[in-house]
Amino acid sequence: MRYKISAVSYLNTLPFLYGFQHSSISKTHDISLDYPALSAQKFINKQVDIGLIPVAAIPQLDQVHVISDYCIGAVGKVDSVLLVSDMPIHKIETILLDYQSQTSINLVRVLAKKLWNIQPKWIKAKVGYETQINGSVAGVIIGDRTFDMPRKFAYQYDLAEAWQQLTGKPFVFAAWLSHSQPENDFLKQFNHSLKLGITHIDQTVKVFNTQNPNAKVDIEYYLKNSISYILDAEKRSGMELFLKELKELTPIEKLSTRT
């Protein structure tokens, strides 16, 4: 069977892509690169069979299988999932929610309620919202854009670090999911390719730095220290706790939308 696979286009996925490119996966299956919320939507719509899917999408699925012991996670700071503001947390009145995100924008809502004890107005933002962050209006920004923000904000709150402060647990942003259990031969091939990438991060870094000599990110530090790729028991526990917290939130679809 030829599977349709949605990966994520952010830098944190580079080791996985390296593994795909240096194994048979990229030759025998169809791989698309999407931002997280789009990857989730494609998976929900069954446009893809397998995806690196934001964990916040899991409650929207009738049946789902976690098919790998690899993920996009963090133990403490992740450095690329931020709440940014000109004001300290208790002076924030409105928070713009990154349209590219599903997990992170729900995570910030959990943190607002359980850690920071604030009740801001929530706005589902659209393209270009970063320029609207000022004064008491804060914003969640995720992914590679955090390395190249047009200006520095006075306050930057790392959401993975805040989650660990709240719960004592690591955080899982995305896991490899499938609608049905794939064939055993494919699973072995798939997980071998992921392991290949994770064990060759030095090579991934070398390729990236050669292709992007003016990059504003220390890619070696980011991939080796900010992102934690092993979906171990502690991360699974953190993921289960987050999914439990999601049940207490107002559905994201009922929040205001900024035009």
Protein backbone atom coordinates (compact mmCIF):
# COMPACT_ATOMS: atom_id res chain seq x y z
CA MET A 1 0.00 0.00 0.00
CA ARG A 2 1.20 3.50 -0.84
CA TYR A 3 0.45 5.78 2.11
CA LYS A 4 -0.19 9.52 2.05
CA ILE A 5 1.86 11.09 4.86
CA SER A 6 1.60 14.64 6.19
CA ALA A 7 4.74 15.90 7.92
CA VAL A 8 5.29 19.39 9.33
CA SER A 9 7.18 22.07 7.44
CA TYR A 10 8.89 23.53 10.54
CA LEU A 11 12.57 23.16 11.37
CA ASN A 12 11.79 20.83 14.26
CA THR A 13 10.83 18.15 11.73
CA LEU A 14 14.15 18.22 9.87
CA PRO A 15 15.52 15.03 11.49
CA PHE A 16 12.38 13.12 10.49
CA LEU A 17 12.66 14.42 6.93
CA TYR A 18 16.32 13.43 6.84
CA GLY A 19 15.29 9.91 7.83
CA PHE A 20 12.62 9.78 5.13
CA GLN A 21 15.03 11.04 2.47
CA HIS A 22 17.72 8.53 3.42
CA SER A 23 15.39 5.53 3.53
CA SER A 24 12.84 4.05 1.19
CA ILE A 25 9.93 6.01 2.71
CA SER A 26 10.25 9.00 0.38
CA LYS A 27 10.46 6.72 -2.64
CA THR A 28 7.54 4.44 -1.86
CA HIS A 29 5.06 6.81 -0.18
CA ASP A 30 3.65 10.32 -0.75
CA ILE A 31 4.88 12.96 1.72
CA SER A 32 3.46 16.48 2.00
CA LEU A 33 4.77 19.30 4.21
CA ASP A 34 2.14 21.34 6.04
CA TYR A 35 1.91 23.69 8.99
CA PRO A 36 0.44 21.90 12.05
CA ALA A 37 -3.18 23.08 11.88
CA LEU A 38 -3.37 22.23 8.16
CA SER A 39 -1.84 18.82 8.80
CA ALA A 40 -4.54 18.22 11.41
CA GLN A 41 -7.32 19.32 9.05
CA LYS A 42 -6.04 17.10 6.24
CA PHE A 43 -5.92 14.17 8.64
CA ILE A 44 -9.41 14.85 10.00
CA ASN A 45 -10.72 15.08 6.43
CA LYS A 46 -8.92 11.80 5.63
CA GLN A 47 -6.93 13.42 2.85
CA VAL A 48 -3.88 11.71 4.34
CA ASP A 49 -3.46 8.30 5.97
CA ILE A 50 -0.70 9.18 8.43
CA GLY A 51 0.45 12.45 9.90
CA LEU A 52 2.56 14.24 12.44
CA ILE A 53 -0.62 15.54 14.02
CA PRO A 54 -1.12 18.14 16.78
CA VAL A 55 -2.33 16.27 19.84
CA ALA A 56 -5.20 18.74 20.30
CA ALA A 57 -6.80 17.18 17.20
CA ILE A 58 -7.11 13.76 18.84
CA PRO A 59 -10.51 14.42 20.50
CA GLN A 60 -11.94 15.25 17.05
CA LEU A 61 -11.11 11.79 15.72
CA ASP A 62 -13.34 8.73 15.92
CA GLN A 63 -10.46 6.28 15.75
CA VAL A 64 -6.76 6.95 15.94
CA HIS A 65 -3.57 4.97 16.42
CA VAL A 66 -0.28 6.31 17.76
CA ILE A 67 2.12 4.44 15.49
CA SER A 68 5.54 5.58 16.69
CA ASP A 69 7.61 6.17 19.79
CA TYR A 70 8.79 9.47 18.24
CA CYS A 71 7.11 12.84 18.50
CA ILE A 72 7.63 16.59 18.63
CA GLY A 73 7.94 17.26 22.34
CA ALA A 74 9.79 19.35 24.89
CA VAL A 75 11.14 18.95 28.39
CA GLY A 76 11.14 22.52 29.64
CA LYS A 77 11.74 25.30 27.12
CA VAL A 78 10.90 24.57 23.48
CA ASP A 79 11.97 28.06 22.23
CA SER A 80 9.54 28.09 19.29
CA VAL A 81 6.10 28.18 20.94
CA LEU A 82 5.68 31.54 22.61
CA LEU A 83 3.17 33.94 24.06
CA VAL A 84 4.64 37.37 23.28
CA SER A 85 3.53 40.70 24.68
CA ASP A 86 4.47 44.27 25.50
CA MET A 87 2.83 43.79 28.89
CA PRO A 88 3.39 41.38 31.78
CA ILE A 89 1.00 38.46 31.91
CA HIS A 90 -1.52 39.96 34.34
CA LYS A 91 -1.94 43.11 32.23
CA ILE A 92 -2.79 41.24 29.04
CA GLU A 93 -6.40 41.85 27.96
CA THR A 94 -6.51 40.09 24.58
CA ILE A 95 -4.60 37.14 23.15
CA LEU A 96 -4.38 36.51 19.40
CA LEU A 97 -4.22 32.80 18.59
CA ASP A 98 -1.88 31.61 15.83
CA TYR A 99 -3.85 30.30 12.84
CA GLN A 100 -1.07 27.76 12.17
CA SER A 101 -1.59 26.09 15.52
CA GLN A 102 -4.08 23.81 17.16
CA THR A 103 -2.25 22.36 20.14
CA SER A 104 -0.42 25.52 21.23
CA ILE A 105 -3.47 27.76 21.16
CA ASN A 106 -5.29 25.32 23.41
CA LEU A 107 -2.25 24.98 25.63
CA VAL A 108 -2.16 28.75 26.25
CA ARG A 109 -5.82 28.64 27.25
CA VAL A 110 -5.09 25.91 29.81
CA LEU A 111 -2.16 27.92 31.17
CA ALA A 112 -4.24 31.11 31.39
CA LYS A 113 -6.81 29.32 33.52
CA LYS A 114 -4.69 26.98 35.62
CA LEU A 115 -1.32 28.75 35.95
CA TRP A 116 -1.68 32.48 35.32
CA ASN A 117 -5.26 32.93 36.55
CA ILE A 118 -6.18 35.39 33.81
CA GLN A 119 -9.29 35.70 31.64
CA PRO A 120 -8.29 37.47 28.44
CA LYS A 121 -10.40 37.89 25.33
CA TRP A 122 -9.45 35.17 22.84
CA ILE A 123 -9.19 35.98 19.14
CA LYS A 124 -8.60 33.43 16.39
CA ALA A 125 -6.13 35.38 14.29
CA LYS A 126 -5.48 35.38 10.56
CA VAL A 127 -2.45 35.92 8.35
CA GLY A 128 -0.49 39.04 9.34
CA TYR A 129 -1.75 39.17 12.92
CA GLU A 130 1.80 39.52 14.26
CA THR A 131 1.69 43.26 13.47
CA GLN A 132 -1.37 43.64 15.71
CA ILE A 133 0.47 42.55 18.85
CA ASN A 134 0.98 45.69 20.94
CA GLY A 135 -0.06 47.24 24.22
CA SER A 136 -2.38 44.90 26.11
CA VAL A 137 -2.87 42.71 23.01
CA ALA A 138 -0.60 39.66 23.16
CA GLY A 139 -0.19 36.83 20.70
CA VAL A 140 0.77 33.17 20.44
CA ILE A 141 3.42 32.63 17.77
CA ILE A 142 4.71 29.18 16.90
CA GLY A 143 7.27 27.59 14.66
CA ASP A 144 10.08 29.07 12.60
CA ARG A 145 8.60 32.59 12.72
CA THR A 146 9.68 32.84 16.34
CA PHE A 147 13.31 32.90 15.17
CA ASP A 148 12.74 35.82 12.84
CA MET A 149 10.13 38.01 14.50
CA PRO A 150 10.10 41.58 13.15
CA ARG A 151 10.74 43.01 16.59
CA LYS A 152 11.53 41.86 20.07
CA PHE A 153 8.75 41.91 22.62
CA ALA A 154 9.28 42.92 26.23
CA TYR A 155 7.75 39.68 27.47
CA GLN A 156 8.07 36.22 25.98
CA TYR A 157 6.50 33.24 27.73
CA ASP A 158 7.62 29.79 26.60
CA LEU A 159 4.50 27.63 26.69
CA ALA A 160 6.26 24.27 27.12
CA GLU A 161 8.24 25.66 30.04
CA ALA A 162 5.03 27.05 31.57
CA TRP A 163 3.32 23.66 31.17
CA GLN A 164 6.13 21.94 33.05
CA GLN A 165 5.90 24.60 35.75
CA LEU A 166 2.17 23.85 36.06
CA THR A 167 2.27 20.05 35.89
CA GLY A 168 5.86 18.89 36.35
CA LYS A 169 5.53 16.99 33.07
CA PRO A 170 7.02 17.34 29.57
CA PHE A 171 4.77 18.41 26.73
CA VAL A 172 3.93 16.71 23.44
CA PHE A 173 2.97 19.02 20.59
CA ALA A 174 2.51 16.42 17.86
CA ALA A 175 2.61 12.65 17.49
CA TRP A 176 2.60 10.30 14.51
CA LEU A 177 -0.99 9.13 14.07
CA SER A 178 -2.83 6.83 11.69
CA HIS A 179 -6.53 6.23 11.07
CA SER A 180 -6.05 2.46 11.09
CA GLN A 181 -3.23 0.20 12.11
CA PRO A 182 -0.71 0.11 9.22
CA GLU A 183 0.87 -3.06 7.95
CA ASN A 184 3.69 -4.40 10.13
CA ASP A 185 6.27 -4.16 7.36
CA PHE A 186 5.43 -0.50 6.84
CA LEU A 187 5.56 0.24 10.57
CA LYS A 188 9.04 -1.24 10.81
CA GLN A 189 10.17 0.72 7.76
CA PHE A 190 8.55 3.94 9.00
CA ASN A 191 9.99 3.81 12.52
CA HIS A 192 13.40 2.80 11.18
CA SER A 193 13.41 5.96 9.06
CA LEU A 194 12.46 8.14 12.06
CA LYS A 195 15.20 6.56 14.17
CA LEU A 196 17.66 7.09 11.33
CA GLY A 197 16.88 10.79 11.35
CA ILE A 198 17.07 11.19 15.13
CA THR A 199 20.44 9.43 15.26
CA HIS A 200 21.84 11.61 12.47
CA ILE A 201 21.04 15.09 13.77
CA ASP A 202 24.65 16.18 13.21
CA GLN A 203 24.29 15.44 9.52
CA THR A 204 20.93 17.25 9.45
CA VAL A 205 22.56 20.30 11.03
CA LYS A 206 25.41 20.25 8.55
CA VAL A 207 23.04 20.15 5.58
CA PHE A 208 20.89 22.94 6.99
CA ASN A 209 23.83 25.24 7.74
CA THR A 210 25.26 24.68 4.28
CA GLN A 211 21.94 25.55 2.64
CA ASN A 212 21.11 28.42 5.02
CA PRO A 213 24.35 30.26 5.88
CA ASN A 214 22.48 33.35 7.11
CA ALA A 215 19.91 31.58 9.27
CA LYS A 216 19.01 33.34 12.52
CA VAL A 217 18.64 30.15 14.52
CA ASP A 218 21.26 27.97 16.20
CA ILE A 219 19.85 24.88 14.57
CA GLU A 220 22.17 22.48 16.40
CA TYR A 221 21.11 23.75 19.82
CA TYR A 222 17.44 23.83 18.80
CA LEU A 223 17.28 20.27 17.49
CA LYS A 224 19.43 18.77 20.25
CA ASN A 225 18.19 20.71 23.27
CA SER A 226 14.87 22.44 22.61
CA ILE A 227 13.07 19.57 20.87
CA SER A 228 12.71 16.18 22.54
CA TYR A 229 11.82 13.45 20.06
CA ILE A 230 11.29 10.31 22.13
CA LEU A 231 7.66 9.60 23.06
CA ASP A 232 8.47 7.96 26.38
CA ALA A 233 6.22 7.18 29.35
CA GLU A 234 6.58 10.67 30.87
CA LYS A 235 5.57 12.36 27.63
CA ARG A 236 2.63 10.01 27.19
CA SER A 237 1.53 10.89 30.72
CA GLY A 238 1.84 14.60 29.93
CA MET A 239 -0.13 14.10 26.72
CA GLU A 240 -2.94 12.29 28.53
CA LEU A 241 -3.12 15.08 31.11
CA PHE A 242 -3.32 17.73 28.39
CA LEU A 243 -6.12 15.85 26.61
CA LYS A 244 -7.98 15.71 29.92
CA GLU A 245 -7.55 19.49 30.35
CA LEU A 246 -8.91 20.06 26.84
CA LYS A 247 -12.28 18.65 27.85
CA GLU A 248 -12.80 21.61 30.20
CA LEU A 249 -12.23 24.26 27.52
CA THR A 250 -14.82 26.03 25.39
CA PRO A 251 -14.51 24.63 21.84
CA ILE A 252 -12.11 26.77 19.82
CA GLU A 253 -14.76 27.19 17.10
CA LYS A 254 -16.86 29.33 19.48
CA LEU A 255 -14.13 31.92 20.00
CA SER A 256 -14.10 35.28 18.23
CA THR A 257 -12.37 35.63 14.86
CA ARG A 258 -10.36 38.71 13.90
CA THR A 259 -10.73 39.71 10.27
